[in-house]
Amino acid sequence: MSELLKNIDARTRLAGTNKLEILLFSLGTDSRTGRCETFGINVFKVREVMRTPPITSAPEMPSSVKGMVSLRGVLVPVVDLAEYVGISSTTPRDIMIVTEYAGHTQGFLVDSVDTILRLDWAQMRVPPEMLTVNLGGLVTAVTELKDNRLVMMLDVERVLAETTKYDDDFLFTGITPMERNDLTVVFADDSSVARSQIERTLNALGVRFISAINGRMAWEELKKIAVHAHNMGRPAKDFVQLVLTDVEMPEMDGYILTKNIKSDARFVGIPVIMHSSLSSMSNQQLGRSVGVDAYVSKFEPQRLAEMLRSTLLQQTGHYPGSQQTQERGE
């Protein structure tokens, strides 16, 4: 099964092309519906696929967390994805997808793995509201295969949040409001958990925001702002001071969104910060190759707040030592 993940480094060339590769997998036949659905996960988040090793149970964990396994001396929590998403299946799940993102490593128990599929993010659509409601917001994107199968991309960041409980209030303690209340950030993320955390961070900073669930929607919002700015005879940076974007998003990813912004003269002077659970150096370098100004890992509100504060103050000339500050005698 590890053969599926050969030459993963070559896949970094997909950055900036609005393409991705996903590993297809199944969680078994749901005994209530008789259906066997197909799910997907971005290959960049997959470290390996293996037979499930012996699992050691651990107390006081959510029911879907079956325990821990030792992988090369490192203890890794194991989540039964079928149980987590509410699929009732008696099929033993002896295959484990080991994932690595947001600074965490975890194993996902699945029924089977299929293949790696390369496609365009434009083929990944925002899920219809009925599907979103039925699966509790766990599906971030869907696409249809040539054999008419529907592939659902799971919000694995939400799985991590709800099984590790890292999204606690104390993570936001100490984030203080900025002295300015006239700043606006546009941000894009397809994960409901990530959007909620970004909103909490911006609210704590006292910064206005416009949110979008993917790069395409963020781009449409930015174009509207540019038209309004033009009609007012002012630059767009007077109306939006920063763009924060995820990498993986249906219809338009963060790389293409960044390239669009950086190649459009209307948005000169507006910094773009990439906010992603894919936090390796290679992903940071890919972001910078398309014009990203800074990079910050997801699910670290304190670091995100510091990055936003420093970038916004520097952008608007209100930071210690700036020429504008010195001229005003501040």
Protein backbone atom coordinates (compact mmCIF):
# COMPACT_ATOMS: atom_id res chain seq x y z
CA MET A 1 0.00 0.00 0.00
CA SER A 2 2.94 2.33 0.58
CA GLU A 3 3.54 2.16 -3.17
CA LEU A 4 0.60 4.55 -3.50
CA LEU A 5 2.68 7.29 -1.93
CA LYS A 6 5.86 6.91 -3.97
CA ASN A 7 7.48 10.04 -5.39
CA ILE A 8 5.34 12.33 -3.26
CA ASP A 9 7.98 15.06 -3.53
CA ALA A 10 7.28 15.30 -7.26
CA ARG A 11 3.72 16.26 -6.43
CA THR A 12 4.87 19.61 -5.09
CA ARG A 13 4.94 20.72 -8.73
CA LEU A 14 1.14 20.84 -8.55
CA ALA A 15 1.33 24.01 -6.47
CA GLY A 16 0.13 27.03 -8.39
CA THR A 17 -1.65 24.93 -11.01
CA ASN A 18 -4.92 24.64 -9.04
CA LYS A 19 -4.48 20.85 -9.07
CA LEU A 20 -4.33 18.32 -6.28
CA GLU A 21 -4.05 14.61 -5.69
CA ILE A 22 -6.38 12.79 -3.35
CA LEU A 23 -6.24 9.32 -1.87
CA LEU A 24 -9.60 7.59 -2.28
CA PHE A 25 -10.83 5.35 0.51
CA SER A 26 -13.99 3.68 1.81
CA LEU A 27 -15.40 3.33 5.32
CA GLY A 28 -17.38 0.19 4.51
CA THR A 29 -21.02 -0.49 3.72
CA ASP A 30 -23.45 1.36 5.96
CA SER A 31 -25.80 -1.30 7.32
CA ARG A 32 -28.59 1.26 7.58
CA THR A 33 -28.49 2.40 3.94
CA GLY A 34 -26.71 -0.43 2.15
CA ARG A 35 -24.39 2.13 0.53
CA CYS A 36 -20.62 2.18 0.43
CA GLU A 37 -19.48 5.78 -0.02
CA THR A 38 -16.15 6.98 -1.35
CA PHE A 39 -14.14 9.57 0.54
CA GLY A 40 -10.95 11.43 -0.20
CA ILE A 41 -8.02 13.06 1.57
CA ASN A 42 -5.30 15.26 0.11
CA VAL A 43 -2.14 13.22 -0.45
CA PHE A 44 -0.07 16.01 1.10
CA LYS A 45 -1.67 15.11 4.46
CA VAL A 46 -0.94 11.38 4.16
CA ARG A 47 2.30 10.04 5.57
CA GLU A 48 1.69 6.34 4.93
CA VAL A 49 -0.95 3.63 4.50
CA MET A 50 -0.52 0.44 6.49
CA ARG A 51 -2.16 -2.55 8.10
CA THR A 52 -3.46 -1.51 11.49
CA PRO A 53 -0.98 -2.47 14.23
CA PRO A 54 -2.15 -3.50 17.71
CA ILE A 55 -4.09 -0.67 19.32
CA THR A 56 -3.71 0.09 23.03
CA SER A 57 -6.90 1.45 24.55
CA ALA A 58 -6.67 4.71 26.45
CA PRO A 59 -9.12 6.03 29.06
CA GLU A 60 -11.26 9.16 28.82
CA MET A 61 -11.15 9.49 25.04
CA PRO A 62 -14.05 10.12 22.63
CA SER A 63 -15.69 6.84 21.57
CA SER A 64 -14.37 7.15 18.02
CA VAL A 65 -10.78 7.31 19.31
CA LYS A 66 -9.86 3.66 19.70
CA GLY A 67 -6.57 4.20 21.47
CA MET A 68 -2.92 4.60 20.57
CA VAL A 69 -0.41 2.76 18.41
CA SER A 70 3.35 2.97 18.50
CA LEU A 71 4.91 3.94 15.18
CA ARG A 72 8.69 3.85 15.29
CA GLY A 73 8.65 4.79 18.95
CA VAL A 74 6.03 7.56 18.63
CA LEU A 75 2.57 7.18 20.17
CA VAL A 76 -0.14 8.02 17.63
CA PRO A 77 -3.88 8.32 18.41
CA VAL A 78 -6.17 6.21 16.22
CA VAL A 79 -9.61 7.39 15.09
CA ASP A 80 -12.26 5.09 13.65
CA LEU A 81 -13.54 7.35 10.87
CA ALA A 82 -16.66 5.26 10.22
CA GLU A 83 -17.77 5.62 13.82
CA TYR A 84 -16.84 9.29 13.81
CA VAL A 85 -18.99 10.15 10.78
CA GLY A 86 -21.87 7.94 11.96
CA ILE A 87 -21.58 5.04 9.51
CA SER A 88 -22.90 1.83 11.06
CA SER A 89 -20.74 -0.95 9.71
CA THR A 90 -19.71 -4.32 11.13
CA THR A 91 -16.82 -4.67 8.69
CA PRO A 92 -13.48 -4.79 10.54
CA ARG A 93 -11.29 -1.86 9.57
CA ASP A 94 -7.76 -3.23 9.46
CA ILE A 95 -6.27 -0.52 7.24
CA MET A 96 -4.89 2.67 8.74
CA ILE A 97 -4.12 5.93 6.96
CA VAL A 98 -1.42 7.75 8.91
CA THR A 99 -1.90 11.48 8.48
CA GLU A 100 0.27 14.43 9.41
CA TYR A 101 -0.99 18.01 9.45
CA ALA A 102 -1.42 20.95 11.81
CA GLY A 103 1.60 19.70 13.74
CA HIS A 104 -0.16 16.45 14.70
CA THR A 105 0.15 12.83 13.58
CA GLN A 106 -2.90 10.57 13.80
CA GLY A 107 -4.13 7.31 12.33
CA PHE A 108 -7.50 6.95 10.61
CA LEU A 109 -9.05 3.48 10.46
CA VAL A 110 -10.70 2.80 7.08
CA ASP A 111 -12.25 -0.18 5.32
CA SER A 112 -10.19 0.03 2.13
CA VAL A 113 -8.05 2.34 0.03
CA ASP A 114 -8.56 2.65 -3.71
CA THR A 115 -6.14 4.80 -5.67
CA ILE A 116 -4.64 8.25 -5.93
CA LEU A 117 -6.58 10.56 -8.21
CA ARG A 118 -5.17 13.72 -9.76
CA LEU A 119 -7.69 16.42 -10.59
CA ASP A 120 -8.24 20.14 -10.75
CA TRP A 121 -9.52 22.02 -7.72
CA ALA A 122 -12.14 23.49 -10.07
CA GLN A 123 -13.62 19.97 -10.25
CA MET A 124 -14.10 19.99 -6.49
CA ARG A 125 -17.40 21.66 -5.75
CA VAL A 126 -18.80 23.17 -2.60
CA PRO A 127 -21.11 20.46 -1.17
CA PRO A 128 -24.86 21.00 -1.44
CA GLU A 129 -26.55 22.16 1.75
CA MET A 130 -28.45 18.87 2.22
CA LEU A 131 -25.20 16.89 2.24
CA THR A 132 -23.60 19.38 4.60
CA VAL A 133 -26.50 19.12 7.05
CA ASN A 134 -26.72 15.32 6.89
CA LEU A 135 -23.02 14.87 7.65
CA GLY A 136 -22.82 17.68 10.18
CA GLY A 137 -20.56 19.88 8.08
CA LEU A 138 -17.87 17.20 7.81
CA VAL A 139 -17.67 17.35 4.00
CA THR A 140 -15.77 20.32 2.57
CA ALA A 141 -15.92 19.43 -1.13
CA VAL A 142 -17.36 16.87 -3.53
CA THR A 143 -16.54 15.69 -7.02
CA GLU A 144 -17.98 13.10 -9.40
CA LEU A 145 -15.78 10.42 -10.97
CA LYS A 146 -16.12 9.04 -14.48
CA ASP A 147 -17.76 5.91 -13.07
CA ASN A 148 -20.43 8.17 -11.49
CA ARG A 149 -19.13 7.70 -7.96
CA LEU A 150 -19.36 10.75 -5.76
CA VAL A 151 -16.18 11.47 -3.79
CA MET A 152 -16.50 13.44 -0.56
CA MET A 153 -13.54 15.30 0.95
CA LEU A 154 -13.72 15.08 4.73
CA ASP A 155 -12.86 18.02 6.94
CA VAL A 156 -10.01 16.17 8.65
CA GLU A 157 -9.04 19.36 10.48
CA ARG A 158 -12.40 19.22 12.20
CA VAL A 159 -11.82 15.56 13.05
CA LEU A 160 -8.57 16.57 14.71
CA ALA A 161 -10.22 19.44 16.57
CA GLU A 162 -13.05 17.34 17.94
CA THR A 163 -10.97 14.31 18.92
CA THR A 164 -8.07 16.17 20.54
CA LYS A 165 -10.04 19.11 21.98
CA TYR A 166 -7.24 21.56 21.13
CA ASP A 167 -9.68 24.34 20.26
CA ASP A 168 -10.07 25.38 23.90
CA ASP A 169 -10.74 28.87 25.17
CA PHE A 170 -7.32 29.19 26.77
CA LEU A 171 -5.76 29.28 23.30
CA PHE A 172 -7.25 32.74 22.85
CA THR A 173 -6.32 34.07 26.28
CA GLY A 174 -4.05 37.09 26.10
CA ILE A 175 -5.02 38.23 22.60
CA THR A 176 -5.71 41.91 23.10
CA PRO A 177 -7.52 44.34 20.77
CA MET A 178 -5.50 46.47 18.39
CA GLU A 179 -5.55 50.21 18.96
CA ARG A 180 -7.11 50.72 15.53
CA ASN A 181 -10.68 49.78 14.66
CA ASP A 182 -10.64 50.66 10.96
CA LEU A 183 -8.85 47.57 9.63
CA THR A 184 -10.42 44.86 7.44
CA VAL A 185 -9.17 41.38 6.60
CA VAL A 186 -10.50 39.08 3.88
CA PHE A 187 -9.98 35.43 4.70
CA ALA A 188 -10.75 32.15 2.93
CA ASP A 189 -10.97 28.65 4.37
CA ASP A 190 -13.16 25.66 3.59
CA SER A 191 -12.97 24.20 7.11
CA SER A 192 -15.73 25.34 9.44
CA VAL A 193 -13.46 24.76 12.45
CA ALA A 194 -10.68 26.86 10.94
CA ARG A 195 -13.10 29.66 9.98
CA SER A 196 -14.48 29.74 13.52
CA GLN A 197 -10.99 29.98 14.99
CA ILE A 198 -9.99 32.74 12.57
CA GLU A 199 -13.14 34.69 13.42
CA ARG A 200 -12.46 34.36 17.15
CA THR A 201 -8.91 35.60 16.63
CA LEU A 202 -9.98 38.59 14.54
CA ASN A 203 -12.77 39.45 16.97
CA ALA A 204 -10.26 39.37 19.83
CA LEU A 205 -8.04 41.74 17.84
CA GLY A 206 -11.00 44.01 17.08
CA VAL A 207 -10.45 43.65 13.32
CA ARG A 208 -13.33 43.60 10.82
CA PHE A 209 -13.42 40.74 8.37
CA ILE A 210 -15.02 39.33 5.25
CA SER A 211 -15.05 35.51 5.19
CA ALA A 212 -15.21 33.11 2.26
CA ILE A 213 -15.39 29.31 2.08
CA ASN A 214 -12.96 29.02 -0.83
CA GLY A 215 -10.55 30.98 -2.99
CA ARG A 216 -13.08 31.68 -5.72
CA MET A 217 -15.50 33.35 -3.34
CA ALA A 218 -12.69 35.38 -1.77
CA TRP A 219 -11.56 36.48 -5.24
CA GLU A 220 -15.09 37.59 -6.11
CA GLU A 221 -15.25 39.62 -2.89
CA LEU A 222 -11.90 41.24 -3.63
CA LYS A 223 -12.99 42.19 -7.14
CA LYS A 224 -16.10 43.84 -5.71
CA ILE A 225 -13.91 45.80 -3.30
CA ALA A 226 -11.66 46.86 -6.19
CA VAL A 227 -14.63 48.16 -8.19
CA HIS A 228 -15.93 50.08 -5.16
CA ALA A 229 -12.47 51.54 -4.52
CA HIS A 230 -12.19 52.62 -8.16
CA ASN A 231 -15.58 54.31 -8.03
CA MET A 232 -14.46 56.15 -4.89
CA GLY A 233 -11.20 57.21 -6.51
CA ARG A 234 -9.17 55.39 -3.88
CA PRO A 235 -6.85 52.34 -3.83
CA ALA A 236 -8.24 48.97 -2.79
CA LYS A 237 -5.79 48.81 0.11
CA ASP A 238 -7.82 51.57 1.77
CA PHE A 239 -10.71 49.11 2.09
CA VAL A 240 -8.93 45.82 2.79
CA GLN A 241 -5.57 45.72 4.50
CA LEU A 242 -4.73 42.01 4.42
CA VAL A 243 -5.77 38.68 2.87
CA LEU A 244 -5.50 35.44 4.85
CA THR A 245 -5.88 32.24 2.86
CA ASP A 246 -5.88 28.49 3.31
CA VAL A 247 -4.13 26.32 0.71
CA GLU A 248 -6.63 23.52 0.08
CA MET A 249 -10.03 24.77 -1.06
CA PRO A 250 -12.58 23.63 -3.66
CA GLU A 251 -12.95 25.56 -6.95
CA MET A 252 -9.87 27.76 -6.35
CA ASP A 253 -7.00 26.98 -3.99
CA GLY A 254 -4.88 29.42 -2.03
CA TYR A 255 -2.01 29.36 -4.51
CA ILE A 256 -4.18 30.54 -7.40
CA LEU A 257 -5.91 33.12 -5.20
CA THR A 258 -2.50 34.52 -4.25
CA LYS A 259 -1.31 34.56 -7.87
CA ASN A 260 -4.47 36.42 -8.89
CA ILE A 261 -3.96 39.04 -6.19
CA LYS A 262 -0.28 39.54 -6.84
CA SER A 263 -0.72 39.83 -10.61
CA ASP A 264 -3.51 42.44 -10.37
CA ALA A 265 -2.30 46.03 -10.03
CA ARG A 266 -5.49 46.97 -8.19
CA PHE A 267 -4.29 45.04 -5.14
CA VAL A 268 -0.78 46.43 -4.90
CA GLY A 269 0.20 46.92 -1.28
CA ILE A 270 -2.15 44.27 0.16
CA PRO A 271 -0.15 41.49 1.86
CA VAL A 272 -1.22 37.85 1.63
CA ILE A 273 -0.66 35.50 4.56
CA MET A 274 -0.99 31.77 3.94
CA HIS A 275 -2.68 29.96 6.83
CA SER A 276 -2.45 26.21 6.44
CA SER A 277 -2.23 22.91 8.27
CA LEU A 278 0.36 21.91 5.66
CA SER A 279 3.22 23.50 7.55
CA SER A 280 6.34 21.88 6.10
CA MET A 281 9.17 24.02 4.74
CA SER A 282 8.41 22.78 1.21
CA ASN A 283 4.84 24.09 1.45
CA GLN A 284 6.06 27.41 2.80
CA GLN A 285 8.48 27.71 -0.10
CA LEU A 286 5.69 26.90 -2.55
CA GLY A 287 3.59 29.67 -1.05
CA ARG A 288 6.39 32.18 -1.38
CA SER A 289 6.96 31.12 -4.98
CA VAL A 290 3.49 32.47 -5.87
CA GLY A 291 3.95 35.69 -3.90
CA VAL A 292 2.80 34.90 -0.35
CA ASP A 293 4.18 37.49 2.07
CA ALA A 294 4.12 35.34 5.20
CA TYR A 295 3.13 31.89 6.41
CA VAL A 296 1.52 30.80 9.68
CA SER A 297 0.37 27.36 10.78
CA LYS A 298 -3.27 26.66 11.55
CA PHE A 299 -4.72 26.14 15.01
CA GLU A 300 -2.24 28.39 16.78
CA PRO A 301 -4.37 31.47 17.56
CA GLN A 302 -1.62 33.22 19.49
CA ARG A 303 0.83 32.98 16.60
CA LEU A 304 -1.86 33.93 14.12
CA ALA A 305 -2.76 37.00 16.21
CA GLU A 306 0.89 38.04 16.43
CA MET A 307 1.34 37.65 12.67
CA LEU A 308 -1.84 39.58 11.88
CA ARG A 309 -1.02 42.35 14.35
CA SER A 310 2.54 42.89 13.13
CA THR A 311 1.61 42.69 9.43
CA LEU A 312 -1.35 45.05 9.78
CA LEU A 313 0.63 47.60 11.78
CA GLN A 314 3.52 47.43 9.35
CA GLN A 315 1.15 47.64 6.41
CA THR A 316 -0.53 50.78 7.73
CA GLY A 317 2.65 52.40 9.03
CA HIS A 318 1.60 52.22 12.70
CA TYR A 319 4.47 50.26 14.16
CA PRO A 320 7.35 51.30 16.40
CA GLY A 321 10.18 52.88 14.49
CA SER A 322 8.21 53.57 11.32
CA GLN A 323 8.77 56.83 9.55
CA GLN A 324 5.07 57.70 9.75
CA THR A 325 5.01 57.06 13.51
CA GLN A 326 8.12 59.14 14.08
CA GLU A 327 6.76 62.01 12.00
CA ARG A 328 3.64 62.11 14.17
CA GLY A 329 5.77 62.07 17.29
CA GLU A 330 4.13 58.88 18.55
